[in-house]
PDB file of N, CA and C in Angstrom:
ATOM      1  N   MET A   1     142.203 -45.057  58.073  1.00  0.00           N
ATOM      2  CA  MET A   1     141.207 -45.968  57.218  1.00  0.00           C
ATOM      3  C   MET A   1     141.751 -47.202  57.024  1.00  0.00           C
ATOM      4  N   ASP A   2     141.263 -48.461  57.140  1.00  0.00           N
ATOM      5  CA  ASP A   2     142.040 -49.625  56.914  1.00  0.00           C
ATOM      6  C   ASP A   2     141.710 -50.092  55.569  1.00  0.00           C
ATOM      7  N   MET A   3     142.286 -51.095  55.262  1.00  0.00           N
ATOM      8  CA  MET A   3     142.358 -51.680  53.798  1.00  0.00           C
ATOM      9  C   MET A   3     140.971 -51.923  53.375  1.00  0.00           C
ATOM     10  N   ASN A   4     140.033 -52.514  54.158  1.00  0.00           N
ATOM     11  CA  ASN A   4     138.696 -52.985  53.724  1.00  0.00           C
ATOM     12  C   ASN A   4     137.981 -51.641  53.543  1.00  0.00           C
ATOM     13  N   GLN A   5     138.231 -50.540  54.269  1.00  0.00           N
ATOM     14  CA  GLN A   5     137.437 -49.124  54.008  1.00  0.00           C
ATOM     15  C   GLN A   5     137.977 -48.598  52.749  1.00  0.00           C
ATOM     16  N   GLU A   6     139.312 -48.777  52.644  1.00  0.00           N
ATOM     17  CA  GLU A   6     139.698 -48.086  51.315  1.00  0.00           C
ATOM     18  C   GLU A   6     139.169 -48.795  50.131  1.00  0.00           C
ATOM     19  N   LYS A   7     139.253 -50.179  50.183  1.00  0.00           N
ATOM     20  CA  LYS A   7     138.647 -50.986  49.070  1.00  0.00           C
ATOM     21  C   LYS A   7     137.111 -50.701  48.994  1.00  0.00           C
ATOM     22  N   THR A   8     136.410 -50.474  49.886  1.00  0.00           N
ATOM     23  CA  THR A   8     135.001 -50.260  49.821  1.00  0.00           C
ATOM     24  C   THR A   8     134.984 -48.675  49.267  1.00  0.00           C
ATOM     25  N   ALA A   9     135.531 -47.727  49.650  1.00  0.00           N
ATOM     26  CA  ALA A   9     135.609 -46.582  49.078  1.00  0.00           C
ATOM     27  C   ALA A   9     135.861 -46.390  47.685  1.00  0.00           C
ATOM     28  N   LEU A  10     136.921 -47.155  47.094  1.00  0.00           N
ATOM     29  CA  LEU A  10     137.189 -47.191  45.718  1.00  0.00           C
ATOM     30  C   LEU A  10     136.147 -48.100  45.038  1.00  0.00           C
ATOM     31  N   ASP A  11     135.619 -49.086  45.530  1.00  0.00           N
ATOM     32  CA  ASP A  11     134.335 -49.815  45.017  1.00  0.00           C
ATOM     33  C   ASP A  11     133.312 -48.742  44.697  1.00  0.00           C
ATOM     34  N   ILE A  12     132.943 -48.028  45.677  1.00  0.00           N
ATOM     35  CA  ILE A  12     131.865 -47.253  45.633  1.00  0.00           C
ATOM     36  C   ILE A  12     132.118 -46.094  44.449  1.00  0.00           C
ATOM     37  N   ALA A  13     133.353 -45.443  44.494  1.00  0.00           N
ATOM     38  CA  ALA A  13     133.661 -44.623  43.406  1.00  0.00           C
ATOM     39  C   ALA A  13     133.483 -45.194  42.031  1.00  0.00           C
ATOM     40  N   GLU A  14     133.878 -46.508  41.963  1.00  0.00           N
ATOM     41  CA  GLU A  14     133.910 -47.190  40.627  1.00  0.00           C
ATOM     42  C   GLU A  14     132.537 -47.346  40.215  1.00  0.00           C
ATOM     43  N   LEU A  15     131.689 -47.680  41.205  1.00  0.00           N
ATOM     44  CA  LEU A  15     130.209 -47.826  40.950  1.00  0.00           C
ATOM     45  C   LEU A  15     129.493 -46.593  40.494  1.00  0.00           C
ATOM     46  N   LYS A  16     129.909 -45.493  41.330  1.00  0.00           N
ATOM     47  CA  LYS A  16     129.278 -44.264  40.788  1.00  0.00           C
ATOM     48  C   LYS A  16     129.693 -43.881  39.546  1.00  0.00           C
ATOM     49  N   ARG A  17     130.814 -44.191  39.043  1.00  0.00           N
ATOM     50  CA  ARG A  17     131.502 -43.881  37.642  1.00  0.00           C
ATOM     51  C   ARG A  17     130.468 -44.599  36.706  1.00  0.00           C
ATOM     52  N   ASP A  18     130.632 -46.038  36.822  1.00  0.00           N
ATOM     53  CA  ASP A  18     129.796 -46.919  36.120  1.00  0.00           C
ATOM     54  C   ASP A  18     128.085 -46.415  35.975  1.00  0.00           C
ATOM     55  N   ILE A  19     127.638 -45.926  36.962  1.00  0.00           N
ATOM     56  CA  ILE A  19     126.141 -45.385  36.839  1.00  0.00           C
ATOM     57  C   ILE A  19     126.151 -44.108  36.037  1.00  0.00           C
ATOM     58  N   GLN A  20     127.143 -43.333  36.099  1.00  0.00           N
ATOM     59  CA  GLN A  20     127.087 -41.959  35.282  1.00  0.00           C
ATOM     60  C   GLN A  20     127.295 -42.514  33.758  1.00  0.00           C
ATOM     61  N   LEU A  21     128.193 -43.389  33.571  1.00  0.00           N
ATOM     62  CA  LEU A  21     128.464 -43.985  32.169  1.00  0.00           C
ATOM     63  C   LEU A  21     127.092 -44.574  31.536  1.00  0.00           C
ATOM     64  N   LEU A  22     126.514 -45.369  32.512  1.00  0.00           N
ATOM     65  CA  LEU A  22     125.239 -46.034  31.966  1.00  0.00           C
ATOM     66  C   LEU A  22     124.175 -45.125  31.676  1.00  0.00           C
ATOM     67  N   LYS A  23     124.114 -43.844  32.594  1.00  0.00           N
ATOM     68  CA  LYS A  23     123.137 -42.790  32.345  1.00  0.00           C
ATOM     69  C   LYS A  23     123.310 -42.060  31.159  1.00  0.00           C
ATOM     70  N   ALA A  24     124.567 -41.848  30.810  1.00  0.00           N
ATOM     71  CA  ALA A  24     125.049 -41.186  29.585  1.00  0.00           C
ATOM     72  C   ALA A  24     124.656 -42.026  28.271  1.00  0.00           C
ATOM     73  N   ARG A  25     124.807 -43.289  28.408  1.00  0.00           N
ATOM     74  CA  ARG A  25     124.477 -44.161  27.415  1.00  0.00           C
ATOM     75  C   ARG A  25     122.876 -44.317  27.166  1.00  0.00           C
ATOM     76  N   LEU A  26     122.216 -44.385  28.382  1.00  0.00           N
ATOM     77  CA  LEU A  26     120.767 -44.405  28.044  1.00  0.00           C
ATOM     78  C   LEU A  26     120.173 -43.043  27.453  1.00  0.00           C
ATOM     79  N   ASN A  27     120.800 -41.937  27.873  1.00  0.00           N
ATOM     80  CA  ASN A  27     120.261 -40.633  27.429  1.00  0.00           C
ATOM     81  C   ASN A  27     120.577 -40.638  25.791  1.00  0.00           C
ATOM     82  N   GLN A  28     121.792 -41.105  25.531  1.00  0.00           N
ATOM     83  CA  GLN A  28     122.171 -41.188  23.984  1.00  0.00           C
ATOM     84  C   GLN A  28     121.122 -42.065  23.342  1.00  0.00           C
ATOM     85  N   GLU A  29     120.805 -43.305  23.778  1.00  0.00           N
ATOM     86  CA  GLU A  29     120.007 -44.064  23.257  1.00  0.00           C
ATOM     87  C   GLU A  29     118.601 -43.537  23.145  1.00  0.00           C
ATOM     88  N   ALA A  30     118.161 -42.907  24.225  1.00  0.00           N
ATOM     89  CA  ALA A  30     116.880 -42.213  24.226  1.00  0.00           C
ATOM     90  C   ALA A  30     116.619 -41.023  23.014  1.00  0.00           C
ATOM     91  N   GLY A  31     117.816 -40.477  22.952  1.00  0.00           N
ATOM     92  CA  GLY A  31     117.938 -39.282  21.943  1.00  0.00           C
ATOM     93  C   GLY A  31     117.708 -40.014  20.450  1.00  0.00           C
ATOM     94  N   GLN A  32     118.439 -41.149  20.264  1.00  0.00           N
ATOM     95  CA  GLN A  32     118.504 -41.706  19.003  1.00  0.00           C
ATOM     96  C   GLN A  32     117.127 -42.199  18.670  1.00  0.00           C
ATOM     97  N   ARG A  33     116.358 -43.103  19.635  1.00  0.00           N
ATOM     98  CA  ARG A  33     114.976 -43.377  19.569  1.00  0.00           C
ATOM     99  C   ARG A  33     114.158 -42.217  19.136  1.00  0.00           C
ATOM    100  N   ALA A  34     114.144 -41.129  19.999  1.00  0.00           N
ATOM    101  CA  ALA A  34     113.319 -39.806  19.698  1.00  0.00           C
ATOM    102  C   ALA A  34     113.503 -39.559  18.134  1.00  0.00           C
ATOM    103  N   ALA A  35     114.755 -39.428  17.608  1.00  0.00           N
ATOM    104  CA  ALA A  35     115.155 -38.963  16.323  1.00  0.00           C
ATOM    105  C   ALA A  35     114.350 -40.005  15.320  1.00  0.00           C
ATOM    106  N   THR A  36     114.679 -41.223  15.576  1.00  0.00           N
ATOM    107  CA  THR A  36     113.841 -42.419  14.840  1.00  0.00           C
ATOM    108  C   THR A  36     112.518 -42.256  14.719  1.00  0.00           C
ATOM    109  N   ASP A  37     111.884 -41.958  15.958  1.00  0.00           N
ATOM    110  CA  ASP A  37     110.333 -41.875  15.953  1.00  0.00           C
ATOM    111  C   ASP A  37     110.094 -40.733  15.308  1.00  0.00           C
ATOM    112  N   GLU A  38     110.607 -39.610  15.326  1.00  0.00           N
ATOM    113  CA  GLU A  38     110.339 -38.318  14.485  1.00  0.00           C
ATOM    114  C   GLU A  38     110.455 -38.523  13.007  1.00  0.00           C
ATOM    115  N   SER A  39     111.533 -39.359  12.370  1.00  0.00           N
ATOM    116  CA  SER A  39     111.699 -39.618  11.161  1.00  0.00           C
ATOM    117  C   SER A  39     110.400 -40.539  10.640  1.00  0.00           C
ATOM    118  N   LEU A  40     110.287 -41.462  11.480  1.00  0.00           N
ATOM    119  CA  LEU A  40     109.046 -42.360  11.125  1.00  0.00           C
ATOM    120  C   LEU A  40     107.815 -41.764  10.859  1.00  0.00           C
ATOM    121  N   SER A  41     107.503 -40.842  11.860  1.00  0.00           N
ATOM    122  CA  SER A  41     106.336 -40.003  11.984  1.00  0.00           C
ATOM    123  C   SER A  41     106.272 -39.123  10.481  1.00  0.00           C
ATOM    124  N   ILE A  42     107.473 -38.525  10.386  1.00  0.00           N
ATOM    125  CA  ILE A  42     107.464 -37.687   9.069  1.00  0.00           C
ATOM    126  C   ILE A  42     107.247 -38.498   7.945  1.00  0.00           C
ATOM    127  N   ARG A  43     107.773 -39.849   7.869  1.00  0.00           N
ATOM    128  CA  ARG A  43     107.513 -40.693   6.673  1.00  0.00           C
ATOM    129  C   ARG A  43     106.277 -41.026   6.387  1.00  0.00           C
ATOM    130  N   ILE A  44     105.468 -41.433   7.564  1.00  0.00           N
ATOM    131  CA  ILE A  44     104.165 -41.878   7.612  1.00  0.00           C
ATOM    132  C   ILE A  44     103.381 -40.685   7.042  1.00  0.00           C
ATOM    133  N   SER A  45     103.605 -39.373   7.537  1.00  0.00           N
ATOM    134  CA  SER A  45     102.798 -38.268   7.191  1.00  0.00           C
ATOM    135  C   SER A  45     102.877 -38.052   5.633  1.00  0.00           C
ATOM    136  N   ASN A  46     104.255 -38.275   5.117  1.00  0.00           N
ATOM    137  CA  ASN A  46     104.517 -38.026   3.614  1.00  0.00           C
ATOM    138  C   ASN A  46     103.631 -39.076   3.037  1.00  0.00           C
ATOM    139  N   LEU A  47     103.611 -40.361   3.479  1.00  0.00           N
ATOM    140  CA  LEU A  47     102.922 -41.464   2.750  1.00  0.00           C
ATOM    141  C   LEU A  47     101.519 -41.111   2.805  1.00  0.00           C
ATOM    142  N   THR A  48     101.088 -40.581   3.771  1.00  0.00           N
ATOM    143  CA  THR A  48      99.507 -40.385   4.036  1.00  0.00           C
ATOM    144  C   THR A  48      99.124 -39.300   3.008  1.00  0.00           C
ATOM    145  N   ASP A  49      99.912 -38.270   2.990  1.00  0.00           N
ATOM    146  CA  ASP A  49      99.643 -37.175   1.783  1.00  0.00           C
ATOM    147  C   ASP A  49      99.876 -37.629   0.451  1.00  0.00           C
ATOM    148  N   PHE A  50     100.778 -38.553   0.062  1.00  0.00           N
ATOM    149  CA  PHE A  50     100.984 -39.045  -1.116  1.00  0.00           C
ATOM    150  C   PHE A  50      99.709 -39.733  -1.498  1.00  0.00           C
ATOM    151  N   ALA A  51      99.204 -40.733  -0.432  1.00  0.00           N
ATOM    152  CA  ALA A  51      98.190 -41.408  -0.714  1.00  0.00           C
ATOM    153  C   ALA A  51      96.889 -40.626  -0.936  1.00  0.00           C
ATOM    154  N   THR A  52      96.843 -39.517  -0.234  1.00  0.00           N
ATOM    155  CA  THR A  52      95.588 -38.743  -0.321  1.00  0.00           C
ATOM    156  C   THR A  52      95.504 -37.925  -1.769  1.00  0.00           C
ATOM    157  N   GLN A  53      96.767 -37.514  -2.178  1.00  0.00           N
ATOM    158  CA  GLN A  53      96.767 -36.891  -3.337  1.00  0.00           C
ATOM    159  C   GLN A  53      96.616 -37.823  -4.639  1.00  0.00           C
ATOM    160  N   ARG A  54      96.942 -39.119  -4.639  1.00  0.00           N
ATOM    161  CA  ARG A  54      96.563 -40.047  -5.571  1.00  0.00           C
ATOM    162  C   ARG A  54      95.232 -40.220  -5.687  1.00  0.00           C
ATOM    163  N   ARG A  55      94.385 -40.265  -4.486  1.00  0.00           N
ATOM    164  CA  ARG A  55      92.974 -40.546  -4.594  1.00  0.00           C
ATOM    165  C   ARG A  55      92.222 -39.409  -5.125  1.00  0.00           C
ATOM    166  N   ASN A  56      92.927 -38.229  -5.199  1.00  0.00           N
ATOM    167  CA  ASN A  56      92.010 -36.952  -5.651  1.00  0.00           C
ATOM    168  C   ASN A  56      92.350 -36.748  -6.978  1.00  0.00           C
TER     169      ASN A  56
END
């Protein structure tokens, strides 16, 4: 394997690692968004219930 091939192999390995890190970050952010969405949904539901009770 010559120097160019070794550099290319190292570059590919580095890119694969970077892709895995980005995937992990995206999954983490997606989980945080899902938790926020669920929290907002609960808050909206609670406010709706509160408003309904006040009308009655």
